[in-house]
C-alpha atoms as a PDB file:
ATOM      1  CA  UNK A   1      93.773 110.344 128.170  1.00  0.00           C
ATOM      2  CA  UNK A   2      90.188 111.437 128.998  1.00  0.00           C
ATOM      3  CA  UNK A   3      87.588 108.843 128.071  1.00  0.00           C
ATOM      4  CA  UNK A   4      85.852 111.167 125.610  1.00  0.00           C
ATOM      5  CA  UNK A   5      89.147 111.653 123.752  1.00  0.00           C
ATOM      6  CA  UNK A   6      89.562 107.882 123.405  1.00  0.00           C
ATOM      7  CA  UNK A   7      85.938 107.675 122.244  1.00  0.00           C
ATOM      8  CA  UNK A   8      86.702 110.171 119.464  1.00  0.00           C
ATOM      9  CA  UNK A   9      90.111 108.734 118.573  1.00  0.00           C
ATOM     10  CA  UNK A  10      89.661 104.943 118.809  1.00  0.00           C
ATOM     11  CA  UNK A  11      86.092 103.763 119.198  1.00  0.00           C
ATOM     12  CA  UNK A  12      87.058 100.092 119.325  1.00  0.00           C
ATOM     13  CA  UNK A  13      89.490 100.637 122.198  1.00  0.00           C
ATOM     14  CA  UNK A  14      86.942 102.837 123.980  1.00  0.00           C
ATOM     15  CA  UNK A  15      84.201 100.209 123.629  1.00  0.00           C
ATOM     16  CA  UNK A  16      86.415  97.448 125.019  1.00  0.00           C
ATOM     17  CA  UNK A  17      87.554  99.663 127.888  1.00  0.00           C
ATOM     18  CA  UNK A  18      83.962 100.597 128.753  1.00  0.00           C
ATOM     19  CA  UNK A  19      82.803  96.968 128.624  1.00  0.00           C
ATOM     20  CA  UNK A  20      85.604  95.990 131.017  1.00  0.00           C
ATOM     21  CA  UNK A  21      84.733  98.841 133.398  1.00  0.00           C
ATOM     22  CA  UNK A  22      81.075  97.855 133.413  1.00  0.00           C
ATOM     23  CA  UNK A  23      81.863  94.182 134.004  1.00  0.00           C
ATOM     24  CA  UNK A  24      84.122  95.150 136.913  1.00  0.00           C
ATOM     25  CA  UNK A  25      81.383  97.350 138.395  1.00  0.00           C
ATOM     26  CA  UNK A  26      83.495 100.494 138.042  1.00  0.00           C
ATOM     27  CA  UNK A  27      80.599 102.714 137.052  1.00  0.00           C
ATOM     28  CA  UNK A  28      82.196 105.885 138.404  1.00  0.00           C
ATOM     29  CA  UNK A  29      85.058 105.444 135.920  1.00  0.00           C
ATOM     30  CA  UNK A  30      82.831 104.590 132.970  1.00  0.00           C
ATOM     31  CA  UNK A  31      82.000 107.111 130.258  1.00  0.00           C
ATOM     32  CA  UNK A  32      78.266 106.994 131.033  1.00  0.00           C
ATOM     33  CA  UNK A  33      77.238 109.806 128.671  1.00  0.00           C
ATOM     34  CA  UNK A  34      78.797 108.191 125.603  1.00  0.00           C
ATOM     35  CA  UNK A  35      77.676 104.701 126.664  1.00  0.00           C
ATOM     36  CA  UNK A  36      74.077 105.955 126.857  1.00  0.00           C
ATOM     37  CA  UNK A  37      74.415 107.611 123.447  1.00  0.00           C
ATOM     38  CA  UNK A  38      75.726 104.401 121.899  1.00  0.00           C
ATOM     39  CA  UNK A  39      72.883 102.348 123.391  1.00  0.00           C
ATOM     40  CA  UNK A  40      70.327 104.799 121.994  1.00  0.00           C
ATOM     41  CA  UNK A  41      72.071 104.587 118.631  1.00  0.00           C
ATOM     42  CA  UNK A  42      71.770 100.803 118.696  1.00  0.00           C
ATOM     43  CA  UNK A  43      68.026 101.151 119.271  1.00  0.00           C
ATOM     44  CA  UNK A  44      67.700 103.485 116.284  1.00  0.00           C
ATOM     45  CA  UNK A  45      69.654 100.984 114.216  1.00  0.00           C
ATOM     46  CA  UNK A  46      67.163  98.238 115.054  1.00  0.00           C
ATOM     47  CA  UNK A  47      64.289 100.465 113.926  1.00  0.00           C
ATOM     48  CA  UNK A  48      66.133 101.280 110.670  1.00  0.00           C
ATOM     49  CA  UNK A  49      66.582  97.546 110.078  1.00  0.00           C
ATOM     50  CA  UNK A  50      62.829  97.059 110.550  1.00  0.00           C
ATOM     51  CA  UNK A  51      62.118  99.825 108.021  1.00  0.00           C
ATOM     52  CA  UNK A  52      64.573  98.331 105.546  1.00  0.00           C
ATOM     53  CA  UNK A  53      63.076  94.828 105.766  1.00  0.00           C
ATOM     54  CA  UNK A  54      59.536  96.193 105.460  1.00  0.00           C
ATOM     55  CA  UNK A  55      60.434  98.423 102.504  1.00  0.00           C
ATOM     56  CA  UNK A  56      61.984  95.588 100.522  1.00  0.00           C
ATOM     57  CA  UNK A  57      59.132  93.227 101.340  1.00  0.00           C
ATOM     58  CA  UNK A  58      56.455  95.786 100.468  1.00  0.00           C
ATOM     59  CA  UNK A  59      58.266  96.671  97.240  1.00  0.00           C
ATOM     60  CA  UNK A  60      58.177  93.056  96.112  1.00  0.00           C
ATOM     61  CA  UNK A  61      54.557  92.604  97.203  1.00  0.00           C
ATOM     62  CA  UNK A  62      53.607  95.680  95.162  1.00  0.00           C
ATOM     63  CA  UNK A  63      55.471  94.370  92.136  1.00  0.00           C
ATOM     64  CA  UNK A  64      53.832  90.950  92.621  1.00  0.00           C
ATOM     65  CA  UNK A  65      50.383  92.533  92.695  1.00  0.00           C
ATOM     66  CA  UNK A  66      50.794  95.109  89.943  1.00  0.00           C
ATOM     67  CA  UNK A  67      52.997  93.233  87.475  1.00  0.00           C
ATOM     68  CA  UNK A  68      51.626  89.696  87.394  1.00  0.00           C
ATOM     69  CA  UNK A  69      53.461  88.933  84.141  1.00  0.00           C
ATOM     70  CA  UNK A  70      56.773  89.591  85.902  1.00  0.00           C
ATOM     71  CA  UNK A  71      56.145  87.074  88.663  1.00  0.00           C
ATOM     72  CA  UNK A  72      58.866  84.531  88.872  1.00  0.00           C
ATOM     73  CA  UNK A  73      60.981  82.499  91.205  1.00  0.00           C
ATOM     74  CA  UNK A  74      63.325  85.393  92.038  1.00  0.00           C
ATOM     75  CA  UNK A  75      60.456  87.630  93.192  1.00  0.00           C
ATOM     76  CA  UNK A  76      58.968  84.760  95.176  1.00  0.00           C
ATOM     77  CA  UNK A  77      62.331  83.997  96.759  1.00  0.00           C
ATOM     78  CA  UNK A  78      62.858  87.645  97.673  1.00  0.00           C
ATOM     79  CA  UNK A  79      59.441  87.837  99.353  1.00  0.00           C
ATOM     80  CA  UNK A  80      60.035  84.597 101.250  1.00  0.00           C
ATOM     81  CA  UNK A  81      63.525  85.669 102.384  1.00  0.00           C
ATOM     82  CA  UNK A  82      62.350  89.111 103.523  1.00  0.00           C
ATOM     83  CA  UNK A  83      59.511  87.520 105.490  1.00  0.00           C
ATOM     84  CA  UNK A  84      61.944  85.199 107.241  1.00  0.00           C
ATOM     85  CA  UNK A  85      64.386  88.017 107.995  1.00  0.00           C
ATOM     86  CA  UNK A  86      61.560  90.226 109.245  1.00  0.00           C
ATOM     87  CA  UNK A  87      60.295  87.427 111.508  1.00  0.00           C
ATOM     88  CA  UNK A  88      63.786  86.919 112.966  1.00  0.00           C
ATOM     89  CA  UNK A  89      64.219  90.648 113.499  1.00  0.00           C
ATOM     90  CA  UNK A  90      60.878  90.928 115.273  1.00  0.00           C
ATOM     91  CA  UNK A  91      61.675  87.878 117.416  1.00  0.00           C
ATOM     92  CA  UNK A  92      64.953  89.514 118.442  1.00  0.00           C
ATOM     93  CA  UNK A  93      63.258  92.878 119.085  1.00  0.00           C
ATOM     94  CA  UNK A  94      59.669  92.232 120.250  1.00  0.00           C
ATOM     95  CA  UNK A  95      59.241  95.776 121.561  1.00  0.00           C
ATOM     96  CA  UNK A  96      59.344  96.977 117.939  1.00  0.00           C
ATOM     97  CA  UNK A  97      55.820  95.577 117.553  1.00  0.00           C
ATOM     98  CA  UNK A  98      54.524  98.850 119.000  1.00  0.00           C
ATOM     99  CA  UNK A  99      56.283 100.693 116.153  1.00  0.00           C
ATOM    100  CA  UNK A 100      54.801  98.564 113.355  1.00  0.00           C
ATOM    101  CA  UNK A 101      51.950 100.863 112.251  1.00  0.00           C
ATOM    102  CA  UNK A 102      54.312 103.823 111.927  1.00  0.00           C
ATOM    103  CA  UNK A 103      57.063 101.699 110.354  1.00  0.00           C
ATOM    104  CA  UNK A 104      54.705 100.164 107.791  1.00  0.00           C
ATOM    105  CA  UNK A 105      53.459 103.628 106.831  1.00  0.00           C
ATOM    106  CA  UNK A 106      56.997 104.949 106.351  1.00  0.00           C
ATOM    107  CA  UNK A 107      58.253 101.835 104.575  1.00  0.00           C
ATOM    108  CA  UNK A 108      55.242 101.733 102.277  1.00  0.00           C
ATOM    109  CA  UNK A 109      55.870 105.276 101.039  1.00  0.00           C
ATOM    110  CA  UNK A 110      59.453 104.296 100.177  1.00  0.00           C
ATOM    111  CA  UNK A 111      58.225 101.068  98.556  1.00  0.00           C
ATOM    112  CA  UNK A 112      55.867 103.040  96.297  1.00  0.00           C
ATOM    113  CA  UNK A 113      58.740 105.169  95.026  1.00  0.00           C
ATOM    114  CA  UNK A 114      60.909 102.113  94.377  1.00  0.00           C
ATOM    115  CA  UNK A 115      58.045 100.149  92.809  1.00  0.00           C
ATOM    116  CA  UNK A 116      57.235 103.004  90.439  1.00  0.00           C
ATOM    117  CA  UNK A 117      60.879 103.179  89.375  1.00  0.00           C
ATOM    118  CA  UNK A 118      61.280  99.420  88.926  1.00  0.00           C
ATOM    119  CA  UNK A 119      57.940  98.790  87.211  1.00  0.00           C
ATOM    120  CA  UNK A 120      57.852 102.042  85.212  1.00  0.00           C
ATOM    121  CA  UNK A 121      54.277 102.496  86.485  1.00  0.00           C
ATOM    122  CA  UNK A 122      53.093 105.821  87.863  1.00  0.00           C
ATOM    123  CA  UNK A 123      53.202 106.214  91.639  1.00  0.00           C
ATOM    124  CA  UNK A 124      49.466 106.929  91.413  1.00  0.00           C
ATOM    125  CA  UNK A 125      48.966 103.316  90.287  1.00  0.00           C
ATOM    126  CA  UNK A 126      49.578 102.175  93.847  1.00  0.00           C
ATOM    127  CA  UNK A 127      47.227 102.737  96.797  1.00  0.00           C
ATOM    128  CA  UNK A 128      48.260 105.776  98.844  1.00  0.00           C
ATOM    129  CA  UNK A 129      48.086 103.759 102.086  1.00  0.00           C
ATOM    130  CA  UNK A 130      49.427 100.263 102.596  1.00  0.00           C
ATOM    131  CA  UNK A 131      46.572  97.912 101.652  1.00  0.00           C
ATOM    132  CA  UNK A 132      47.843  95.061 103.822  1.00  0.00           C
ATOM    133  CA  UNK A 133      48.088  94.461 107.539  1.00  0.00           C
ATOM    134  CA  UNK A 134      51.292  93.324 109.186  1.00  0.00           C
ATOM    135  CA  UNK A 135      49.723  89.887 109.595  1.00  0.00           C
ATOM    136  CA  UNK A 136      49.200  89.683 105.838  1.00  0.00           C
ATOM    137  CA  UNK A 137      52.617  91.104 104.987  1.00  0.00           C
ATOM    138  CA  UNK A 138      54.351  88.564 107.198  1.00  0.00           C
ATOM    139  CA  UNK A 139      52.118  85.574 106.337  1.00  0.00           C
ATOM    140  CA  UNK A 140      53.945  83.016 104.198  1.00  0.00           C
ATOM    141  CA  UNK A 141      50.645  82.038 102.589  1.00  0.00           C
ATOM    142  CA  UNK A 142      49.698  85.582 101.551  1.00  0.00           C
ATOM    143  CA  UNK A 143      50.316  86.486  97.921  1.00  0.00           C
ATOM    144  CA  UNK A 144      48.489  89.640  96.773  1.00  0.00           C
ATOM    145  CA  UNK A 145      46.710  89.112  93.506  1.00  0.00           C
ATOM    146  CA  UNK A 146      45.595  91.820  91.134  1.00  0.00           C
ATOM    147  CA  UNK A 147      41.978  92.778  91.869  1.00  0.00           C
END
């Protein structure tokens, strides 16, 4: 069976076969095109994970800032957990640091939409650009207060 057919029919079997071929140094027999595609896909997945962590964290920071009466232990726990998960993700993928400005901008726009829905405040209530730096967002001692 051609490697591409196995790739389409049984990804798990294909992945194990390709790993064995690579470990044995049989590059000529490996399905290089699909291996390269899968590696690129893994990279995109890591960026999506960064965006997800940032979005959730920014959402809770916005709620913390704009709904002080709703502050409680569950919001605090969510912020603390997201910060820890974000720190682990960045430690595992340090090259994503170069993507942070873009990722924060994208995640913040999603966080505004979610914050407006969850707080029932207008999207215009929130700053149009993220008001915090990555250092602030990720700092365990940073808690945005209402101005």
